[in-house]
C-alpha atoms as a PDB file:
ATOM      1  CA  MET A   1      39.750  -4.121 -23.592  1.00  0.00           C
ATOM      2  CA  ALA A   2      36.565  -2.397 -23.125  1.00  0.00           C
ATOM      3  CA  SER A   3      35.376  -2.464 -19.316  1.00  0.00           C
ATOM      4  CA  LYS A   4      31.898  -3.325 -18.563  1.00  0.00           C
ATOM      5  CA  PRO A   5      29.377  -1.013 -17.278  1.00  0.00           C
ATOM      6  CA  LYS A   6      29.261  -1.093 -13.821  1.00  0.00           C
ATOM      7  CA  ILE A   7      25.808  -2.028 -11.933  1.00  0.00           C
ATOM      8  CA  SER A   8      25.100  -2.205  -7.815  1.00  0.00           C
ATOM      9  CA  LYS A   9      26.759  -5.502  -6.566  1.00  0.00           C
ATOM     10  CA  ARG A  10      23.491  -6.602  -4.855  1.00  0.00           C
ATOM     11  CA  LEU A  11      21.640  -6.544  -8.406  1.00  0.00           C
ATOM     12  CA  GLN A  12      24.836  -8.208 -10.094  1.00  0.00           C
ATOM     13  CA  ARG A  13      25.021 -10.970  -7.201  1.00  0.00           C
ATOM     14  CA  PHE A  14      21.238 -11.694  -8.209  1.00  0.00           C
ATOM     15  CA  VAL A  15      21.710 -11.694 -11.944  1.00  0.00           C
ATOM     16  CA  GLU A  16      24.258 -14.016 -11.643  1.00  0.00           C
ATOM     17  CA  SER A  17      22.205 -16.665  -9.859  1.00  0.00           C
ATOM     18  CA  ALA A  18      19.647 -18.691 -11.420  1.00  0.00           C
ATOM     19  CA  ALA A  19      16.981 -17.089  -9.859  1.00  0.00           C
ATOM     20  CA  CYS A  20      17.319 -14.045 -11.816  1.00  0.00           C
ATOM     21  CA  LYS A  21      15.681 -14.405 -15.671  1.00  0.00           C
ATOM     22  CA  HIS A  22      17.344 -11.042 -16.813  1.00  0.00           C
ATOM     23  CA  GLU A  23      20.374 -10.318 -18.252  1.00  0.00           C
ATOM     24  CA  ALA A  24      23.303  -7.936 -16.082  1.00  0.00           C
ATOM     25  CA  GLY A  25      23.165  -4.551 -17.306  1.00  0.00           C
ATOM     26  CA  PRO A  26      22.834  -0.747 -16.442  1.00  0.00           C
ATOM     27  CA  GLU A  27      19.835  -1.084 -18.693  1.00  0.00           C
ATOM     28  CA  TYR A  28      18.320  -3.427 -16.415  1.00  0.00           C
ATOM     29  CA  GLU A  29      18.892  -0.899 -13.676  1.00  0.00           C
ATOM     30  CA  ARG A  30      17.846   1.855 -15.772  1.00  0.00           C
ATOM     31  CA  GLU A  31      14.140  -0.220 -16.275  1.00  0.00           C
ATOM     32  CA  LEU A  32      13.947  -1.232 -12.530  1.00  0.00           C
ATOM     33  CA  ALA A  33      14.257   2.377 -11.752  1.00  0.00           C
ATOM     34  CA  ARG A  34      11.888   3.127 -14.053  1.00  0.00           C
ATOM     35  CA  LEU A  35       9.440   0.540 -12.835  1.00  0.00           C
ATOM     36  CA  ALA A  36       9.704   2.290  -9.105  1.00  0.00           C
ATOM     37  CA  ASP A  37       8.719   5.741 -10.502  1.00  0.00           C
ATOM     38  CA  GLU A  38       5.790   4.492 -12.442  1.00  0.00           C
ATOM     39  CA  VAL A  39       4.399   2.411  -9.511  1.00  0.00           C
ATOM     40  CA  ALA A  40       6.184   3.155  -6.054  1.00  0.00           C
ATOM     41  CA  ASN A  41       6.678   7.330  -7.045  1.00  0.00           C
ATOM     42  CA  ALA A  42       8.339   8.692  -4.383  1.00  0.00           C
ATOM     43  CA  GLU A  43       6.072  11.642  -4.037  1.00  0.00           C
ATOM     44  CA  ILE A  44       2.953  10.099  -4.199  1.00  0.00           C
ATOM     45  CA  ALA A  45       3.848   7.223  -1.727  1.00  0.00           C
ATOM     46  CA  ASP A  46       4.903  10.179   0.487  1.00  0.00           C
ATOM     47  CA  LYS A  47       1.424  11.576   0.378  1.00  0.00           C
ATOM     48  CA  GLN A  48      -0.426   8.072   1.408  1.00  0.00           C
ATOM     49  CA  ARG A  49       2.234   7.987   4.248  1.00  0.00           C
ATOM     50  CA  ARG A  50       0.806  11.587   5.215  1.00  0.00           C
ATOM     51  CA  PHE A  51      -2.845   9.796   5.063  1.00  0.00           C
ATOM     52  CA  PHE A  52      -2.215   6.888   6.630  1.00  0.00           C
ATOM     53  CA  LYS A  53      -0.392   8.912   9.844  1.00  0.00           C
ATOM     54  CA  ALA A  54      -3.270  10.986   9.947  1.00  0.00           C
ATOM     55  CA  LEU A  55      -5.667   8.135  10.737  1.00  0.00           C
ATOM     56  CA  SER A  56      -3.445   6.555  13.020  1.00  0.00           C
ATOM     57  CA  ASP A  57      -4.137   8.557  16.043  1.00  0.00           C
ATOM     58  CA  VAL A  58      -6.665   8.246  18.127  1.00  0.00           C
ATOM     59  CA  ILE A  59      -7.430  11.898  18.604  1.00  0.00           C
ATOM     60  CA  ARG A  60      -7.562  12.346  15.218  1.00  0.00           C
ATOM     61  CA  LEU A  61     -10.064   9.706  14.156  1.00  0.00           C
ATOM     62  CA  ARG A  62     -12.291  11.051  17.026  1.00  0.00           C
ATOM     63  CA  ILE A  63     -12.153  14.674  15.553  1.00  0.00           C
ATOM     64  CA  LEU A  64     -12.824  13.087  11.748  1.00  0.00           C
ATOM     65  CA  LYS A  65     -16.073  11.057  13.759  1.00  0.00           C
ATOM     66  CA  LEU A  66     -17.236  14.360  15.407  1.00  0.00           C
ATOM     67  CA  LEU A  67     -16.740  16.200  11.883  1.00  0.00           C
ATOM     68  CA  GLU A  68     -18.839  13.841  10.151  1.00  0.00           C
ATOM     69  CA  VAL A  69     -21.420  14.774  12.428  1.00  0.00           C
ATOM     70  CA  ARG A  70     -21.281  18.344  11.498  1.00  0.00           C
ATOM     71  CA  GLU A  71     -18.635  21.384  10.857  1.00  0.00           C
ATOM     72  CA  MET A  72     -17.088  22.496  14.168  1.00  0.00           C
ATOM     73  CA  CYS A  73     -14.853  25.162  15.271  1.00  0.00           C
ATOM     74  CA  ALA A  74     -11.956  24.474  16.929  1.00  0.00           C
ATOM     75  CA  CYS A  75     -13.145  25.502  20.155  1.00  0.00           C
ATOM     76  CA  GLU A  76     -15.747  23.067  19.660  1.00  0.00           C
ATOM     77  CA  VAL A  77     -13.163  20.045  19.227  1.00  0.00           C
ATOM     78  CA  MET A  78     -10.829  21.255  22.077  1.00  0.00           C
ATOM     79  CA  ALA A  79     -14.150  21.201  24.324  1.00  0.00           C
ATOM     80  CA  ALA A  80     -15.303  17.853  22.953  1.00  0.00           C
ATOM     81  CA  LEU A  81     -12.386  16.254  23.687  1.00  0.00           C
ATOM     82  CA  SER A  82     -10.714  17.844  26.265  1.00  0.00           C
ATOM     83  CA  LEU A  83      -7.801  19.080  24.413  1.00  0.00           C
ATOM     84  CA  THR A  84      -5.692  21.875  24.522  1.00  0.00           C
ATOM     85  CA  GLN A  85      -4.934  24.692  21.711  1.00  0.00           C
ATOM     86  CA  PRO A  86      -1.930  23.613  21.086  1.00  0.00           C
ATOM     87  CA  ASN A  87      -2.724  19.857  20.633  1.00  0.00           C
ATOM     88  CA  ALA A  88      -6.051  20.339  18.844  1.00  0.00           C
ATOM     89  CA  SER A  89      -4.042  22.438  15.785  1.00  0.00           C
ATOM     90  CA  HIS A  90      -1.306  20.104  15.739  1.00  0.00           C
ATOM     91  CA  HIS A  91      -3.981  17.182  15.088  1.00  0.00           C
ATOM     92  CA  LEU A  92      -6.290  19.293  12.908  1.00  0.00           C
ATOM     93  CA  GLY A  93      -3.038  20.471  11.050  1.00  0.00           C
ATOM     94  CA  ILE A  94      -2.442  17.095  10.265  1.00  0.00           C
ATOM     95  CA  LEU A  95      -5.982  15.474   9.151  1.00  0.00           C
ATOM     96  CA  GLU A  96      -6.030  19.259   6.969  1.00  0.00           C
ATOM     97  CA  ARG A  97      -2.534  18.841   5.414  1.00  0.00           C
ATOM     98  CA  ALA A  98      -3.924  14.888   4.875  1.00  0.00           C
ATOM     99  CA  GLY A  99      -6.294  15.981   2.675  1.00  0.00           C
ATOM    100  CA  LEU A 100      -8.990  14.321   5.203  1.00  0.00           C
ATOM    101  CA  VAL A 101     -10.535  17.987   6.581  1.00  0.00           C
ATOM    102  CA  ARG A 102     -11.058  21.355   5.227  1.00  0.00           C
ATOM    103  CA  SER A 103     -10.871  24.848   7.360  1.00  0.00           C
ATOM    104  CA  ARG A 104     -12.479  27.628   6.622  1.00  0.00           C
ATOM    105  CA  LYS A 105     -12.193  30.851   8.509  1.00  0.00           C
ATOM    106  CA  ASP A 106     -15.274  33.189   9.812  1.00  0.00           C
ATOM    107  CA  GLY A 107     -13.811  35.877  11.699  1.00  0.00           C
ATOM    108  CA  LYS A 108     -11.366  35.326  14.284  1.00  0.00           C
ATOM    109  CA  TRP A 109     -12.774  31.558  14.684  1.00  0.00           C
ATOM    110  CA  ILE A 110     -11.652  28.862  12.300  1.00  0.00           C
ATOM    111  CA  PHE A 111     -14.178  26.085  11.552  1.00  0.00           C
ATOM    112  CA  TYR A 112     -13.251  22.506  10.388  1.00  0.00           C
ATOM    113  CA  SER A 113     -15.412  20.075   7.952  1.00  0.00           C
ATOM    114  CA  ILE A 114     -14.654  16.947   6.177  1.00  0.00           C
ATOM    115  CA  ALA A 115     -13.234  17.549   3.061  1.00  0.00           C
ATOM    116  CA  ASP A 116     -14.177  14.408   1.333  1.00  0.00           C
ATOM    117  CA  PRO A 117     -18.111  12.981   2.774  1.00  0.00           C
ATOM    118  CA  GLU A 118     -17.901  10.549  -0.054  1.00  0.00           C
ATOM    119  CA  LEU A 119     -14.180   8.751   0.814  1.00  0.00           C
ATOM    120  CA  MET A 120     -15.848   8.744   4.915  1.00  0.00           C
ATOM    121  CA  GLU A 121     -18.657   6.948   3.090  1.00  0.00           C
ATOM    122  CA  ASN A 122     -15.839   4.530   1.636  1.00  0.00           C
ATOM    123  CA  MET A 123     -14.074   4.035   4.842  1.00  0.00           C
ATOM    124  CA  HIS A 124     -16.850   3.050   6.584  1.00  0.00           C
ATOM    125  CA  LYS A 125     -17.754   0.653   3.983  1.00  0.00           C
ATOM    126  CA  LEU A 126     -14.492  -0.680   4.568  1.00  0.00           C
ATOM    127  CA  GLY A 127     -14.710  -0.942   8.144  1.00  0.00           C
ATOM    128  CA  VAL A 128     -11.581   1.498   8.479  1.00  0.00           C
ATOM    129  CA  LEU A 129     -13.932   3.440  10.601  1.00  0.00           C
END
């Protein structure tokens, strides 16, 4: 007698309930995994997490507002917001890794600007900024 291929116990219980309209089996579990890869891809979700994390701090939001006005040197951001150099670098790094700001080096100075002004404009229209 051949044994049935195993699927997770939770999924098995759901399939056996009247709520599920699918047949139990490893192919159904694979279908669910494919669906997750298509619409809830872990790599894309991580990129989105970085983006929203960047927007989840008052200092970073204030930095974005300053950079909307004009490009600024890191030292100008520090002075404007009374930040220490390590604190400013930390926040600017998060914004840069999230793709919200870009940097350029000019001698020993690093200047920051908004990476995508259109994105910022759309966030204003949505009332996010």
